[in-house]
Amino acid sequence: MPMLPVAMSGPPCPAPTPPPRRRTEALAALKDSASVGLGLLPLGLALGVVIAHAGLPRWCAPLFAAVVYAGSFEFLLVGLTVAAAPLATVALTGFMVNARHVFYALSFPLHRVRGRFGKAYSTFALTDEAYAMTTGGQARSWSGARILSLQAILQVYWVGGATVGALLGSLIPDRVTGLDFAMTALFAVLALDAVAERRGDLPTPVLALLSALAARTVLPGQLLPVAFALFTVGLLVRHLATRKRPSHA
């Protein structure tokens, strides 16, 4: 009777364990956020110092940075809190300052973020810096985990800077001025970066500049809402004109 060959099978070789995807995405987000995070640290320090000089408790700095997390509005909130402004005034000011986020939502890649909690936090942490980094050409292949990690790391930079600034605020003399201009300087840098990245789309920043100048001339007391309205109308008119333009084969 012929002997059947017996397959000699030893223990299977263990396959190399790939690093967890979440950890890989978090490390990539940490590298992505390095340059912007180093810029957020001094801005957070400035916020903490402004809070300390305003006479507010030091715990207001991490509270504002963690719960409000609205950048320029946090600087305005310091003055509103000191002046004991009505809640309606605070809410209206916050809406006017952060109305631009409505336009951010139109192109922010929220659909890549998974889970209700992830989407909720990503919406909450949609700052100017996060929007600028996640809507550029280099971020088109980023996963939702990478986007979410980037936003969380950016907030850690902000909260950490504000906390340290509040703790060290007493060491900085009151005569130092210009700290409340930090966010305005950041917006100017972000605008320059956006213009440099979209060199073939110069009409957009030109349209934004013309809208701001027209709003300042017509209604200087309502600069933000009028400028946003004019800019929105201009974008819609340009979109309709481009869509109706016949294409040449």
Protein backbone atom coordinates (compact mmCIF):
# COMPACT_ATOMS: atom_id res chain seq x y z
CA MET A 1 0.00 0.00 0.00
CA PRO A 2 1.63 3.21 -1.07
CA MET A 3 2.44 5.71 1.61
CA LEU A 4 0.68 9.02 1.24
CA PRO A 5 2.96 11.97 1.55
CA VAL A 6 2.50 13.76 4.80
CA ALA A 7 2.85 17.49 4.67
CA MET A 8 5.25 18.63 7.30
CA SER A 9 3.74 21.76 8.72
CA GLY A 10 5.45 23.59 11.47
CA PRO A 11 4.08 26.45 13.46
CA PRO A 12 3.12 29.36 11.20
CA CYS A 13 5.58 32.19 11.08
CA PRO A 14 4.12 35.21 12.84
CA ALA A 15 3.42 38.02 10.43
CA PRO A 16 4.98 41.32 11.27
CA THR A 17 2.54 43.42 13.24
CA PRO A 18 1.97 46.74 11.52
CA PRO A 19 1.79 49.77 13.77
CA PRO A 20 -1.73 50.77 14.74
CA ARG A 21 -3.28 53.01 12.15
CA ARG A 22 -4.48 55.54 14.66
CA ARG A 23 -1.00 55.93 16.11
CA THR A 24 0.46 56.35 12.65
CA GLU A 25 -2.11 58.99 11.74
CA ALA A 26 -1.54 60.79 15.03
CA LEU A 27 2.22 60.91 14.46
CA ALA A 28 1.67 62.23 10.94
CA ALA A 29 -0.68 64.89 12.31
CA LEU A 30 1.90 65.84 14.93
CA LYS A 31 4.46 66.44 12.20
CA ASP A 32 1.94 68.38 10.12
CA SER A 33 1.02 70.62 13.02
CA ALA A 34 4.58 71.45 14.08
CA SER A 35 4.98 74.70 12.16
CA VAL A 36 1.47 76.01 12.90
CA GLY A 37 1.64 74.80 16.49
CA LEU A 38 4.82 76.76 17.10
CA GLY A 39 2.90 79.80 15.88
CA LEU A 40 -0.07 79.05 18.15
CA LEU A 41 2.08 78.86 21.28
CA PRO A 42 3.02 82.57 21.39
CA LEU A 43 -0.57 83.49 20.47
CA GLY A 44 -1.82 81.40 23.38
CA LEU A 45 0.78 83.01 25.61
CA ALA A 46 -0.50 86.42 24.53
CA LEU A 47 -4.07 85.42 25.41
CA GLY A 48 -2.99 84.20 28.83
CA VAL A 49 -1.10 87.41 29.52
CA VAL A 50 -4.07 89.55 28.44
CA ILE A 51 -6.33 87.56 30.78
CA ALA A 52 -3.89 87.96 33.67
CA HIS A 53 -3.51 91.70 33.11
CA ALA A 54 -7.29 92.12 32.91
CA GLY A 55 -7.57 90.92 36.50
CA LEU A 56 -9.48 87.74 35.68
CA PRO A 57 -8.71 84.49 37.54
CA ARG A 58 -5.91 82.48 35.98
CA TRP A 59 -8.18 79.49 35.41
CA CYS A 60 -10.08 81.59 32.87
CA ALA A 61 -7.21 81.11 30.41
CA PRO A 62 -7.45 77.31 30.05
CA LEU A 63 -11.25 77.56 30.33
CA PHE A 64 -11.52 80.04 27.45
CA ALA A 65 -9.01 78.09 25.36
CA ALA A 66 -10.65 74.70 25.95
CA VAL A 67 -14.36 75.57 25.95
CA VAL A 68 -14.63 78.69 23.78
CA TYR A 69 -11.67 77.97 21.47
CA ALA A 70 -12.51 80.75 19.05
CA GLY A 71 -9.18 82.53 18.58
CA SER A 72 -9.79 86.22 18.05
CA PHE A 73 -13.14 86.11 19.85
CA GLU A 74 -11.37 84.99 23.01
CA PHE A 75 -9.40 88.24 23.06
CA LEU A 76 -12.67 90.16 22.68
CA LEU A 77 -14.29 87.98 25.34
CA VAL A 78 -11.77 89.20 27.89
CA GLY A 79 -12.98 92.78 27.53
CA LEU A 80 -16.62 91.70 27.44
CA THR A 81 -16.17 89.69 30.63
CA VAL A 82 -14.43 92.53 32.46
CA ALA A 83 -17.18 94.94 31.37
CA ALA A 84 -19.88 92.44 32.46
CA ALA A 85 -21.52 92.71 29.05
CA PRO A 86 -25.00 91.17 28.66
CA LEU A 87 -25.16 87.64 27.32
CA ALA A 88 -27.03 88.87 24.25
CA THR A 89 -24.13 91.21 23.42
CA VAL A 90 -21.61 88.41 23.92
CA ALA A 91 -23.62 86.04 21.70
CA LEU A 92 -24.07 88.63 18.96
CA THR A 93 -20.37 89.54 19.03
CA GLY A 94 -19.39 85.89 18.85
CA PHE A 95 -21.68 85.33 15.89
CA MET A 96 -20.36 88.38 14.02
CA VAL A 97 -16.71 87.49 14.60
CA ASN A 98 -17.07 83.79 13.76
CA ALA A 99 -19.57 84.04 10.91
CA ARG A 100 -16.78 83.12 8.50
CA HIS A 101 -16.96 79.53 9.76
CA VAL A 102 -20.23 79.13 7.89
CA PHE A 103 -18.23 79.44 4.67
CA TYR A 104 -15.52 77.12 5.99
CA ALA A 105 -18.09 74.35 6.36
CA LEU A 106 -18.77 74.40 2.62
CA SER A 107 -15.35 72.97 1.75
CA PHE A 108 -14.08 71.43 5.00
CA PRO A 109 -13.69 67.62 4.57
CA LEU A 110 -15.98 66.68 7.46
CA HIS A 111 -17.29 63.69 5.51
CA ARG A 112 -13.97 61.88 6.07
CA VAL A 113 -14.33 62.03 9.86
CA ARG A 114 -16.16 59.02 11.30
CA GLY A 115 -18.46 58.76 14.29
CA ARG A 116 -20.84 61.24 15.84
CA PHE A 117 -18.38 62.31 18.50
CA GLY A 118 -15.62 62.72 15.93
CA LYS A 119 -17.79 64.86 13.67
CA ALA A 120 -19.03 66.93 16.62
CA TYR A 121 -15.51 67.64 17.87
CA SER A 122 -14.20 68.30 14.36
CA THR A 123 -16.97 70.87 13.86
CA PHE A 124 -16.16 72.46 17.23
CA ALA A 125 -12.41 72.57 16.50
CA LEU A 126 -12.78 74.03 13.00
CA THR A 127 -10.36 76.94 13.41
CA ASP A 128 -8.70 79.07 10.77
CA GLU A 129 -5.47 77.10 11.09
CA ALA A 130 -7.21 73.72 10.86
CA TYR A 131 -9.20 74.83 7.84
CA ALA A 132 -6.15 76.21 6.06
CA MET A 133 -4.21 72.98 6.58
CA THR A 134 -6.96 70.47 5.77
CA THR A 135 -8.28 72.09 2.58
CA GLY A 136 -4.95 72.53 0.80
CA GLY A 137 -3.72 70.35 -2.01
CA GLN A 138 -1.42 68.32 0.23
CA ALA A 139 -4.33 67.27 2.47
CA ARG A 140 -6.57 65.74 -0.19
CA SER A 141 -5.45 62.24 0.76
CA TRP A 142 -5.63 62.71 4.52
CA SER A 143 -7.88 60.34 6.43
CA GLY A 144 -10.47 61.39 8.96
CA ALA A 145 -8.27 60.17 11.82
CA ARG A 146 -5.43 62.36 10.64
CA ILE A 147 -7.68 65.42 10.36
CA LEU A 148 -9.18 64.81 13.80
CA SER A 149 -5.74 64.27 15.35
CA LEU A 150 -4.47 67.47 13.77
CA GLN A 151 -7.34 69.49 15.23
CA ALA A 152 -6.83 67.99 18.70
CA ILE A 153 -3.09 68.69 18.64
CA LEU A 154 -3.66 72.28 17.56
CA GLN A 155 -6.01 72.80 20.49
CA VAL A 156 -3.41 71.33 22.85
CA TYR A 157 -0.93 73.94 21.61
CA TRP A 158 -3.52 76.68 22.18
CA VAL A 159 -4.61 75.55 25.65
CA GLY A 160 -1.02 74.97 26.75
CA GLY A 161 0.13 78.39 25.56
CA ALA A 162 -2.80 80.18 27.21
CA THR A 163 -2.24 78.35 30.50
CA VAL A 164 1.47 79.16 30.61
CA GLY A 165 0.77 82.77 29.62
CA ALA A 166 -1.70 83.18 32.48
CA LEU A 167 0.74 81.68 34.98
CA LEU A 168 3.59 83.92 33.82
CA GLY A 169 1.43 86.98 33.17
CA SER A 170 2.51 88.67 36.39
CA LEU A 171 6.13 88.59 35.21
CA ILE A 172 5.35 90.67 32.12
CA PRO A 173 4.94 94.41 32.78
CA ASP A 174 1.62 96.07 32.00
CA ARG A 175 3.27 98.61 29.72
CA VAL A 176 3.87 95.93 27.06
CA THR A 177 1.40 96.67 24.27
CA GLY A 178 0.38 94.90 21.09
CA LEU A 179 -0.42 91.49 22.58
CA ASP A 180 -4.07 91.81 21.52
CA PHE A 181 -2.85 92.31 17.93
CA ALA A 182 -1.45 88.78 17.79
CA MET A 183 -4.54 87.23 16.18
CA THR A 184 -4.75 90.00 13.58
CA ALA A 185 -1.15 89.30 12.62
CA LEU A 186 -1.96 85.59 12.34
CA PHE A 187 -4.89 86.27 10.01
CA ALA A 188 -2.62 88.42 7.83
CA VAL A 189 -0.11 85.57 7.56
CA LEU A 190 -2.84 83.04 6.72
CA ALA A 191 -4.17 85.35 4.03
CA LEU A 192 -0.72 85.72 2.49
CA ASP A 193 -0.25 81.95 2.52
CA ALA A 194 -3.63 81.46 0.83
CA VAL A 195 -2.74 83.96 -1.89
CA ALA A 196 0.64 82.29 -2.45
CA GLU A 197 -0.96 78.82 -2.72
CA ARG A 198 -3.65 79.99 -5.16
CA ARG A 199 -1.61 82.07 -7.55
CA GLY A 200 -3.94 81.27 -10.42
CA ASP A 201 -6.96 82.42 -8.41
CA LEU A 202 -6.01 86.03 -7.74
CA PRO A 203 -9.54 87.41 -8.37
CA THR A 204 -10.73 85.82 -5.11
CA PRO A 205 -8.44 87.80 -2.75
CA VAL A 206 -8.96 90.88 -4.91
CA LEU A 207 -12.72 90.43 -4.56
CA ALA A 208 -12.34 90.06 -0.79
CA LEU A 209 -10.24 93.25 -0.60
CA LEU A 210 -12.75 95.22 -2.67
CA SER A 211 -15.60 93.96 -0.48
CA ALA A 212 -13.80 95.10 2.67
CA LEU A 213 -12.99 98.53 1.21
CA ALA A 214 -16.57 99.01 0.03
CA ALA A 215 -17.95 97.99 3.43
CA ARG A 216 -15.60 100.38 5.21
CA THR A 217 -16.72 103.21 2.93
CA VAL A 218 -20.46 102.55 3.05
CA LEU A 219 -21.01 101.27 6.62
CA PRO A 220 -17.78 101.43 8.64
CA GLY A 221 -19.64 100.56 11.83
CA GLN A 222 -20.83 97.25 10.32
CA LEU A 223 -17.66 96.30 8.48
CA LEU A 224 -17.74 92.54 9.03
CA PRO A 225 -21.34 91.69 8.06
CA VAL A 226 -21.37 94.07 5.08
CA ALA A 227 -18.02 92.81 3.82
CA PHE A 228 -19.10 89.18 4.15
CA ALA A 229 -22.37 89.90 2.37
CA LEU A 230 -20.65 91.67 -0.51
CA PHE A 231 -18.03 88.93 -0.78
CA THR A 232 -20.73 86.24 -0.83
CA VAL A 233 -22.68 88.04 -3.53
CA GLY A 234 -19.52 88.49 -5.57
CA LEU A 235 -18.68 84.78 -5.34
CA LEU A 236 -22.20 83.80 -6.35
CA VAL A 237 -22.16 86.16 -9.34
CA ARG A 238 -18.78 84.83 -10.43
CA HIS A 239 -19.98 81.24 -10.06
CA LEU A 240 -23.11 81.87 -12.12
CA ALA A 241 -21.15 83.72 -14.79
CA THR A 242 -18.59 80.92 -15.02
CA ARG A 243 -21.25 78.19 -15.17
CA LYS A 244 -23.23 79.90 -17.93
CA ARG A 245 -20.14 80.62 -19.96
CA PRO A 246 -20.12 78.31 -23.02
CA SER A 247 -17.25 75.87 -23.10
CA HIS A 248 -15.13 75.72 -26.23
CA ALA A 249 -14.28 72.23 -27.34
